[in-house]
PDB file of N, CA and C in Angstrom:
ATOM      1  N   MET A   1      27.924 -21.159 -12.763  1.00  0.00           N
ATOM      2  CA  MET A   1      26.566 -21.231 -12.247  1.00  0.00           C
ATOM      3  C   MET A   1      26.224 -22.645 -12.141  1.00  0.00           C
ATOM      4  N   THR A   2      25.286 -23.002 -11.202  1.00  0.00           N
ATOM      5  CA  THR A   2      24.862 -24.287 -11.046  1.00  0.00           C
ATOM      6  C   THR A   2      23.721 -24.664 -11.825  1.00  0.00           C
ATOM      7  N   GLU A   3      23.727 -25.896 -12.425  1.00  0.00           N
ATOM      8  CA  GLU A   3      22.635 -26.393 -13.139  1.00  0.00           C
ATOM      9  C   GLU A   3      21.603 -27.326 -12.410  1.00  0.00           C
ATOM     10  N   LEU A   4      20.356 -27.046 -12.319  1.00  0.00           N
ATOM     11  CA  LEU A   4      19.389 -27.784 -11.490  1.00  0.00           C
ATOM     12  C   LEU A   4      18.574 -28.592 -12.308  1.00  0.00           C
ATOM     13  N   ALA A   5      18.191 -29.822 -12.215  1.00  0.00           N
ATOM     14  CA  ALA A   5      17.446 -30.722 -12.999  1.00  0.00           C
ATOM     15  C   ALA A   5      16.007 -30.932 -12.186  1.00  0.00           C
ATOM     16  N   ILE A   6      14.836 -30.507 -12.794  1.00  0.00           N
ATOM     17  CA  ILE A   6      13.537 -30.858 -12.033  1.00  0.00           C
ATOM     18  C   ILE A   6      12.617 -31.590 -13.143  1.00  0.00           C
ATOM     19  N   SER A   7      11.967 -32.354 -12.524  1.00  0.00           N
ATOM     20  CA  SER A   7      10.881 -33.156 -13.338  1.00  0.00           C
ATOM     21  C   SER A   7       9.562 -32.343 -13.423  1.00  0.00           C
ATOM     22  N   ILE A   8       9.136 -32.199 -14.669  1.00  0.00           N
ATOM     23  CA  ILE A   8       7.870 -31.474 -14.873  1.00  0.00           C
ATOM     24  C   ILE A   8       7.043 -32.350 -15.633  1.00  0.00           C
ATOM     25  N   PRO A   9       5.750 -32.443 -15.240  1.00  0.00           N
ATOM     26  CA  PRO A   9       4.733 -33.254 -16.001  1.00  0.00           C
ATOM     27  C   PRO A   9       4.573 -32.957 -17.375  1.00  0.00           C
ATOM     28  N   ASP A  10       4.440 -33.873 -18.335  1.00  0.00           N
ATOM     29  CA  ASP A  10       4.287 -33.520 -19.753  1.00  0.00           C
ATOM     30  C   ASP A  10       3.185 -32.670 -20.073  1.00  0.00           C
ATOM     31  N   SER A  11       2.003 -32.900 -19.206  1.00  0.00           N
ATOM     32  CA  SER A  11       0.899 -32.205 -19.477  1.00  0.00           C
ATOM     33  C   SER A  11       1.033 -30.843 -19.275  1.00  0.00           C
ATOM     34  N   LEU A  12       1.981 -30.301 -18.587  1.00  0.00           N
ATOM     35  CA  LEU A  12       2.191 -28.688 -18.258  1.00  0.00           C
ATOM     36  C   LEU A  12       2.524 -28.133 -19.815  1.00  0.00           C
ATOM     37  N   PHE A  13       3.274 -28.901 -20.569  1.00  0.00           N
ATOM     38  CA  PHE A  13       3.606 -28.186 -21.830  1.00  0.00           C
ATOM     39  C   PHE A  13       2.435 -27.889 -22.681  1.00  0.00           C
ATOM     40  N   SER A  14       1.617 -28.860 -22.788  1.00  0.00           N
ATOM     41  CA  SER A  14       0.458 -28.659 -23.586  1.00  0.00           C
ATOM     42  C   SER A  14      -0.540 -27.692 -22.927  1.00  0.00           C
ATOM     43  N   ALA A  15      -0.661 -27.849 -21.541  1.00  0.00           N
ATOM     44  CA  ALA A  15      -1.554 -26.734 -20.834  1.00  0.00           C
ATOM     45  C   ALA A  15      -0.968 -25.423 -21.061  1.00  0.00           C
ATOM     46  N   LEU A  16       0.284 -25.240 -21.199  1.00  0.00           N
ATOM     47  CA  LEU A  16       0.928 -23.752 -21.372  1.00  0.00           C
ATOM     48  C   LEU A  16       0.928 -23.459 -22.827  1.00  0.00           C
ATOM     49  N   ARG A  17       1.006 -24.558 -23.624  1.00  0.00           N
ATOM     50  CA  ARG A  17       1.163 -24.460 -25.060  1.00  0.00           C
ATOM     51  C   ARG A  17       2.433 -23.820 -25.255  1.00  0.00           C
ATOM     52  N   LYS A  18       3.537 -24.232 -24.746  1.00  0.00           N
ATOM     53  CA  LYS A  18       4.895 -24.026 -24.737  1.00  0.00           C
ATOM     54  C   LYS A  18       5.902 -25.055 -24.913  1.00  0.00           C
ATOM     55  N   ALA A  19       6.967 -24.913 -25.521  1.00  0.00           N
ATOM     56  CA  ALA A  19       8.047 -25.866 -25.694  1.00  0.00           C
ATOM     57  C   ALA A  19       8.815 -25.948 -24.284  1.00  0.00           C
ATOM     58  N   PRO A  20       9.453 -27.207 -24.042  1.00  0.00           N
ATOM     59  CA  PRO A  20      10.211 -27.287 -22.828  1.00  0.00           C
ATOM     60  C   PRO A  20      11.173 -26.154 -22.539  1.00  0.00           C
ATOM     61  N   HIS A  21      12.012 -25.626 -23.610  1.00  0.00           N
ATOM     62  CA  HIS A  21      12.815 -24.627 -23.250  1.00  0.00           C
ATOM     63  C   HIS A  21      12.064 -23.268 -22.905  1.00  0.00           C
ATOM     64  N   GLU A  22      10.903 -22.913 -23.279  1.00  0.00           N
ATOM     65  CA  GLU A  22      10.151 -22.001 -22.958  1.00  0.00           C
ATOM     66  C   GLU A  22       9.545 -21.964 -21.619  1.00  0.00           C
ATOM     67  N   VAL A  23       9.219 -23.293 -21.175  1.00  0.00           N
ATOM     68  CA  VAL A  23       8.655 -23.489 -19.832  1.00  0.00           C
ATOM     69  C   VAL A  23       9.770 -23.190 -18.876  1.00  0.00           C
ATOM     70  N   ALA A  24      11.027 -23.709 -19.214  1.00  0.00           N
ATOM     71  CA  ALA A  24      12.243 -23.636 -18.310  1.00  0.00           C
ATOM     72  C   ALA A  24      12.459 -22.204 -18.057  1.00  0.00           C
ATOM     73  N   ARG A  25      12.387 -21.226 -19.123  1.00  0.00           N
ATOM     74  CA  ARG A  25      12.702 -19.895 -18.938  1.00  0.00           C
ATOM     75  C   ARG A  25      11.531 -19.276 -18.184  1.00  0.00           C
ATOM     76  N   GLU A  26      10.258 -19.536 -18.414  1.00  0.00           N
ATOM     77  CA  GLU A  26       9.141 -19.034 -17.576  1.00  0.00           C
ATOM     78  C   GLU A  26       9.327 -19.532 -16.111  1.00  0.00           C
ATOM     79  N   ILE A  27       9.880 -20.594 -15.842  1.00  0.00           N
ATOM     80  CA  ILE A  27      10.003 -21.032 -14.417  1.00  0.00           C
ATOM     81  C   ILE A  27      11.001 -20.103 -13.647  1.00  0.00           C
ATOM     82  N   ARG A  28      11.987 -19.814 -14.460  1.00  0.00           N
ATOM     83  CA  ARG A  28      13.171 -18.936 -13.940  1.00  0.00           C
ATOM     84  C   ARG A  28      12.684 -17.587 -13.778  1.00  0.00           C
ATOM     85  N   VAL A  29      11.910 -17.145 -14.555  1.00  0.00           N
ATOM     86  CA  VAL A  29      11.363 -15.735 -14.539  1.00  0.00           C
ATOM     87  C   VAL A  29      10.334 -15.746 -13.348  1.00  0.00           C
ATOM     88  N   ALA A  30       9.446 -16.592 -13.365  1.00  0.00           N
ATOM     89  CA  ALA A  30       8.438 -16.766 -12.339  1.00  0.00           C
ATOM     90  C   ALA A  30       9.015 -16.760 -10.965  1.00  0.00           C
ATOM     91  N   ALA A  31      10.010 -17.601 -10.870  1.00  0.00           N
ATOM     92  CA  ALA A  31      10.674 -17.788  -9.450  1.00  0.00           C
ATOM     93  C   ALA A  31      11.384 -16.330  -9.223  1.00  0.00           C
ATOM     94  N   ALA A  32      12.108 -15.771 -10.076  1.00  0.00           N
ATOM     95  CA  ALA A  32      12.771 -14.555  -9.697  1.00  0.00           C
ATOM     96  C   ALA A  32      11.748 -13.502  -9.332  1.00  0.00           C
ATOM     97  N   ILE A  33      10.575 -13.313 -10.043  1.00  0.00           N
ATOM     98  CA  ILE A  33       9.496 -12.316  -9.618  1.00  0.00           C
ATOM     99  C   ILE A  33       9.104 -12.719  -8.192  1.00  0.00           C
ATOM    100  N   HIS A  34       8.712 -13.947  -7.921  1.00  0.00           N
ATOM    101  CA  HIS A  34       8.231 -14.497  -6.689  1.00  0.00           C
ATOM    102  C   HIS A  34       9.157 -14.112  -5.503  1.00  0.00           C
ATOM    103  N   TRP A  35      10.408 -14.368  -5.638  1.00  0.00           N
ATOM    104  CA  TRP A  35      11.386 -14.003  -4.596  1.00  0.00           C
ATOM    105  C   TRP A  35      11.679 -12.695  -4.535  1.00  0.00           C
ATOM    106  N   TYR A  36      11.706 -11.870  -5.398  1.00  0.00           N
ATOM    107  CA  TYR A  36      11.672 -10.344  -5.494  1.00  0.00           C
ATOM    108  C   TYR A  36      10.749  -9.793  -4.718  1.00  0.00           C
ATOM    109  N   GLN A  37       9.359 -10.280  -5.106  1.00  0.00           N
ATOM    110  CA  GLN A  37       8.116  -9.618  -4.541  1.00  0.00           C
ATOM    111  C   GLN A  37       8.101  -9.938  -2.977  1.00  0.00           C
ATOM    112  N   GLN A  38       8.586 -11.172  -2.540  1.00  0.00           N
ATOM    113  CA  GLN A  38       8.728 -11.667  -1.190  1.00  0.00           C
ATOM    114  C   GLN A  38       9.860 -10.872  -0.391  1.00  0.00           C
ATOM    115  N   GLY A  39      10.681 -10.056  -1.108  1.00  0.00           N
ATOM    116  CA  GLY A  39      11.926  -9.392  -0.502  1.00  0.00           C
ATOM    117  C   GLY A  39      12.953 -10.434  -0.267  1.00  0.00           C
ATOM    118  N   THR A  40      13.016 -11.524  -0.695  1.00  0.00           N
ATOM    119  CA  THR A  40      14.063 -12.406  -0.435  1.00  0.00           C
ATOM    120  C   THR A  40      15.407 -12.160  -1.130  1.00  0.00           C
ATOM    121  N   ILE A  41      15.083 -11.487  -2.424  1.00  0.00           N
ATOM    122  CA  ILE A  41      16.268 -11.277  -3.093  1.00  0.00           C
ATOM    123  C   ILE A  41      16.155  -9.886  -3.758  1.00  0.00           C
ATOM    124  N   SER A  42      17.152  -9.286  -4.121  1.00  0.00           N
ATOM    125  CA  SER A  42      17.188  -7.788  -4.700  1.00  0.00           C
ATOM    126  C   SER A  42      16.869  -7.785  -6.094  1.00  0.00           C
ATOM    127  N   MET A  43      16.424  -6.732  -6.601  1.00  0.00           N
ATOM    128  CA  MET A  43      16.098  -6.589  -8.030  1.00  0.00           C
ATOM    129  C   MET A  43      17.190  -7.101  -8.859  1.00  0.00           C
ATOM    130  N   GLU A  44      18.496  -6.668  -8.526  1.00  0.00           N
ATOM    131  CA  GLU A  44      19.597  -7.030  -9.456  1.00  0.00           C
ATOM    132  C   GLU A  44      19.709  -8.628  -9.516  1.00  0.00           C
ATOM    133  N   ARG A  45      19.532  -9.201  -8.222  1.00  0.00           N
ATOM    134  CA  ARG A  45      19.591 -10.719  -8.140  1.00  0.00           C
ATOM    135  C   ARG A  45      18.484 -11.323  -8.957  1.00  0.00           C
ATOM    136  N   ALA A  46      17.283 -10.801  -8.776  1.00  0.00           N
ATOM    137  CA  ALA A  46      16.029 -11.321  -9.354  1.00  0.00           C
ATOM    138  C   ALA A  46      16.335 -11.255 -10.915  1.00  0.00           C
ATOM    139  N   ALA A  47      16.899 -10.198 -11.550  1.00  0.00           N
ATOM    140  CA  ALA A  47      17.290 -10.004 -12.863  1.00  0.00           C
ATOM    141  C   ALA A  47      18.156 -11.039 -13.345  1.00  0.00           C
ATOM    142  N   GLU A  48      19.195 -11.232 -12.555  1.00  0.00           N
ATOM    143  CA  GLU A  48      20.265 -12.281 -12.961  1.00  0.00           C
ATOM    144  C   GLU A  48      19.572 -13.590 -12.863  1.00  0.00           C
ATOM    145  N   THR A  49      18.779 -13.976 -11.959  1.00  0.00           N
ATOM    146  CA  THR A  49      18.182 -15.253 -11.814  1.00  0.00           C
ATOM    147  C   THR A  49      17.155 -15.420 -13.110  1.00  0.00           C
ATOM    148  N   ALA A  50      16.531 -14.465 -13.498  1.00  0.00           N
ATOM    149  CA  ALA A  50      15.695 -14.513 -14.771  1.00  0.00           C
ATOM    150  C   ALA A  50      16.468 -14.551 -15.885  1.00  0.00           C
ATOM    151  N   GLY A  51      17.633 -14.387 -16.004  1.00  0.00           N
ATOM    152  CA  GLY A  51      18.511 -14.263 -17.207  1.00  0.00           C
ATOM    153  C   GLY A  51      18.294 -13.018 -18.009  1.00  0.00           C
ATOM    154  N   MET A  52      18.112 -11.945 -17.201  1.00  0.00           N
ATOM    155  CA  MET A  52      17.984 -10.741 -17.697  1.00  0.00           C
ATOM    156  C   MET A  52      18.894  -9.606 -17.080  1.00  0.00           C
ATOM    157  N   ASP A  53      18.945  -8.430 -17.854  1.00  0.00           N
ATOM    158  CA  ASP A  53      19.631  -7.242 -17.151  1.00  0.00           C
ATOM    159  C   ASP A  53      18.405  -6.494 -16.356  1.00  0.00           C
ATOM    160  N   ARG A  54      18.692  -5.588 -15.635  1.00  0.00           N
ATOM    161  CA  ARG A  54      17.881  -4.860 -14.771  1.00  0.00           C
ATOM    162  C   ARG A  54      16.686  -4.192 -15.661  1.00  0.00           C
ATOM    163  N   PRO A  55      17.212  -3.550 -16.834  1.00  0.00           N
ATOM    164  CA  PRO A  55      16.095  -2.699 -17.570  1.00  0.00           C
ATOM    165  C   PRO A  55      15.070  -3.949 -18.117  1.00  0.00           C
ATOM    166  N   GLN A  56      15.692  -5.040 -18.722  1.00  0.00           N
ATOM    167  CA  GLN A  56      14.906  -6.001 -19.009  1.00  0.00           C
ATOM    168  C   GLN A  56      13.863  -6.619 -18.118  1.00  0.00           C
ATOM    169  N   PHE A  57      14.342  -6.861 -16.831  1.00  0.00           N
ATOM    170  CA  PHE A  57      13.503  -7.409 -15.680  1.00  0.00           C
ATOM    171  C   PHE A  57      12.440  -6.260 -15.373  1.00  0.00           C
ATOM    172  N   LEU A  58      12.820  -4.997 -15.388  1.00  0.00           N
ATOM    173  CA  LEU A  58      11.859  -3.939 -15.005  1.00  0.00           C
ATOM    174  C   LEU A  58      10.837  -3.969 -16.107  1.00  0.00           C
ATOM    175  N   ALA A  59      11.067  -4.088 -17.353  1.00  0.00           N
ATOM    176  CA  ALA A  59      10.105  -4.145 -18.405  1.00  0.00           C
ATOM    177  C   ALA A  59       9.319  -5.463 -18.238  1.00  0.00           C
ATOM    178  N   GLU A  60       9.848  -6.640 -17.867  1.00  0.00           N
ATOM    179  CA  GLU A  60       8.979  -7.855 -17.495  1.00  0.00           C
ATOM    180  C   GLU A  60       8.083  -7.696 -16.418  1.00  0.00           C
ATOM    181  N   LEU A  61       8.563  -6.890 -15.345  1.00  0.00           N
ATOM    182  CA  LEU A  61       7.703  -6.690 -14.240  1.00  0.00           C
ATOM    183  C   LEU A  61       6.472  -5.928 -14.685  1.00  0.00           C
ATOM    184  N   ALA A  62       6.743  -4.774 -15.618  1.00  0.00           N
ATOM    185  CA  ALA A  62       5.493  -3.850 -16.169  1.00  0.00           C
ATOM    186  C   ALA A  62       4.748  -4.811 -16.919  1.00  0.00           C
ATOM    187  N   ARG A  63       5.321  -5.582 -17.964  1.00  0.00           N
ATOM    188  CA  ARG A  63       4.394  -6.342 -18.744  1.00  0.00           C
ATOM    189  C   ARG A  63       3.547  -7.268 -18.074  1.00  0.00           C
ATOM    190  N   ARG A  64       3.875  -7.684 -16.820  1.00  0.00           N
ATOM    191  CA  ARG A  64       3.143  -8.585 -16.023  1.00  0.00           C
ATOM    192  C   ARG A  64       2.252  -7.932 -15.021  1.00  0.00           C
ATOM    193  N   ARG A  65       2.414  -6.600 -15.044  1.00  0.00           N
ATOM    194  CA  ARG A  65       1.729  -5.651 -14.087  1.00  0.00           C
ATOM    195  C   ARG A  65       1.998  -5.962 -12.698  1.00  0.00           C
ATOM    196  N   VAL A  66       3.334  -6.101 -12.224  1.00  0.00           N
ATOM    197  CA  VAL A  66       3.885  -6.409 -11.021  1.00  0.00           C
ATOM    198  C   VAL A  66       4.383  -5.135 -10.372  1.00  0.00           C
ATOM    199  N   ASP A  67       4.103  -4.968  -9.176  1.00  0.00           N
ATOM    200  CA  ASP A  67       4.756  -3.832  -8.616  1.00  0.00           C
ATOM    201  C   ASP A  67       6.288  -3.695  -8.637  1.00  0.00           C
ATOM    202  N   VAL A  68       6.747  -2.581  -9.038  1.00  0.00           N
ATOM    203  CA  VAL A  68       8.198  -2.620  -9.022  1.00  0.00           C
ATOM    204  C   VAL A  68       8.963  -2.321  -7.800  1.00  0.00           C
ATOM    205  N   PHE A  69       8.183  -1.671  -6.972  1.00  0.00           N
ATOM    206  CA  PHE A  69       8.546  -1.364  -5.554  1.00  0.00           C
ATOM    207  C   PHE A  69       7.982  -2.306  -4.502  1.00  0.00           C
ATOM    208  N   VAL A  70       8.734  -2.932  -3.656  1.00  0.00           N
ATOM    209  CA  VAL A  70       8.086  -3.805  -2.774  1.00  0.00           C
ATOM    210  C   VAL A  70       8.063  -2.999  -1.535  1.00  0.00           C
ATOM    211  N   VAL A  71       7.025  -2.928  -0.935  1.00  0.00           N
ATOM    212  CA  VAL A  71       6.865  -2.074   0.365  1.00  0.00           C
ATOM    213  C   VAL A  71       6.268  -3.000   1.421  1.00  0.00           C
ATOM    214  N   ASP A  72       7.092  -2.908   2.483  1.00  0.00           N
ATOM    215  CA  ASP A  72       6.648  -3.733   3.617  1.00  0.00           C
ATOM    216  C   ASP A  72       5.559  -2.944   4.423  1.00  0.00           C
ATOM    217  N   GLU A  73       4.525  -3.406   4.748  1.00  0.00           N
ATOM    218  CA  GLU A  73       3.481  -2.778   5.368  1.00  0.00           C
ATOM    219  C   GLU A  73       3.788  -2.296   6.779  1.00  0.00           C
ATOM    220  N   GLU A  74       4.558  -2.941   7.407  1.00  0.00           N
ATOM    221  CA  GLU A  74       4.939  -2.491   8.803  1.00  0.00           C
ATOM    222  C   GLU A  74       5.829  -1.244   8.687  1.00  0.00           C
ATOM    223  N   ASP A  75       6.840  -1.389   7.794  1.00  0.00           N
ATOM    224  CA  ASP A  75       7.795  -0.122   7.534  1.00  0.00           C
ATOM    225  C   ASP A  75       6.876   1.091   7.068  1.00  0.00           C
ATOM    226  N   LEU A  76       5.827   0.854   6.197  1.00  0.00           N
ATOM    227  CA  LEU A  76       5.117   1.994   5.745  1.00  0.00           C
ATOM    228  C   LEU A  76       4.295   2.549   7.119  1.00  0.00           C
ATOM    229  N   ALA A  77       3.820   1.620   7.862  1.00  0.00           N
ATOM    230  CA  ALA A  77       3.013   2.221   8.944  1.00  0.00           C
ATOM    231  C   ALA A  77       3.993   3.026  10.003  1.00  0.00           C
ATOM    232  N   ARG A  78       5.160   2.490  10.103  1.00  0.00           N
ATOM    233  CA  ARG A  78       6.151   3.205  11.000  1.00  0.00           C
ATOM    234  C   ARG A  78       6.574   4.570  10.433  1.00  0.00           C
ATOM    235  N   GLU A  79       6.569   4.665   9.131  1.00  0.00           N
ATOM    236  CA  GLU A  79       6.829   5.912   8.385  1.00  0.00           C
ATOM    237  C   GLU A  79       5.743   6.893   8.579  1.00  0.00           C
ATOM    238  N   PHE A  80       4.509   6.394   8.540  1.00  0.00           N
ATOM    239  CA  PHE A  80       3.363   7.259   8.880  1.00  0.00           C
ATOM    240  C   PHE A  80       3.202   7.758  10.209  1.00  0.00           C
ATOM    241  N   ARG A  81       3.573   6.968  11.023  1.00  0.00           N
ATOM    242  CA  ARG A  81       3.558   7.255  12.659  1.00  0.00           C
ATOM    243  C   ARG A  81       4.601   8.422  12.964  1.00  0.00           C
ATOM    244  N   SER A  82       5.733   8.239  12.255  1.00  0.00           N
ATOM    245  CA  SER A  82       6.818   9.169  12.564  1.00  0.00           C
ATOM    246  C   SER A  82       6.760  10.378  11.768  1.00  0.00           C
ATOM    247  N   ALA A  83       5.903  10.604  10.865  1.00  0.00           N
ATOM    248  CA  ALA A  83       5.704  11.720   9.917  1.00  0.00           C
ATOM    249  C   ALA A  83       5.085  12.758  10.531  1.00  0.00           C
TER     250      ALA A  83
END
């Protein structure tokens, strides 16, 4: 695994009321969810990126009220036209 160092303003920790290790985890989870929603990575890869297994990632999506299934509007429109 590659380690990445990023600079975060100290004010973020107080704004979020979280410790640095909690913010680091939150950033990983937020990035994984974002990339999953964009269809850039699979659910399995998103869970791995978030440091979770698939059931944990699914639970996190539910906790955050994020749609589990990413539906492309163009694909959906094609499905309706062909039905």
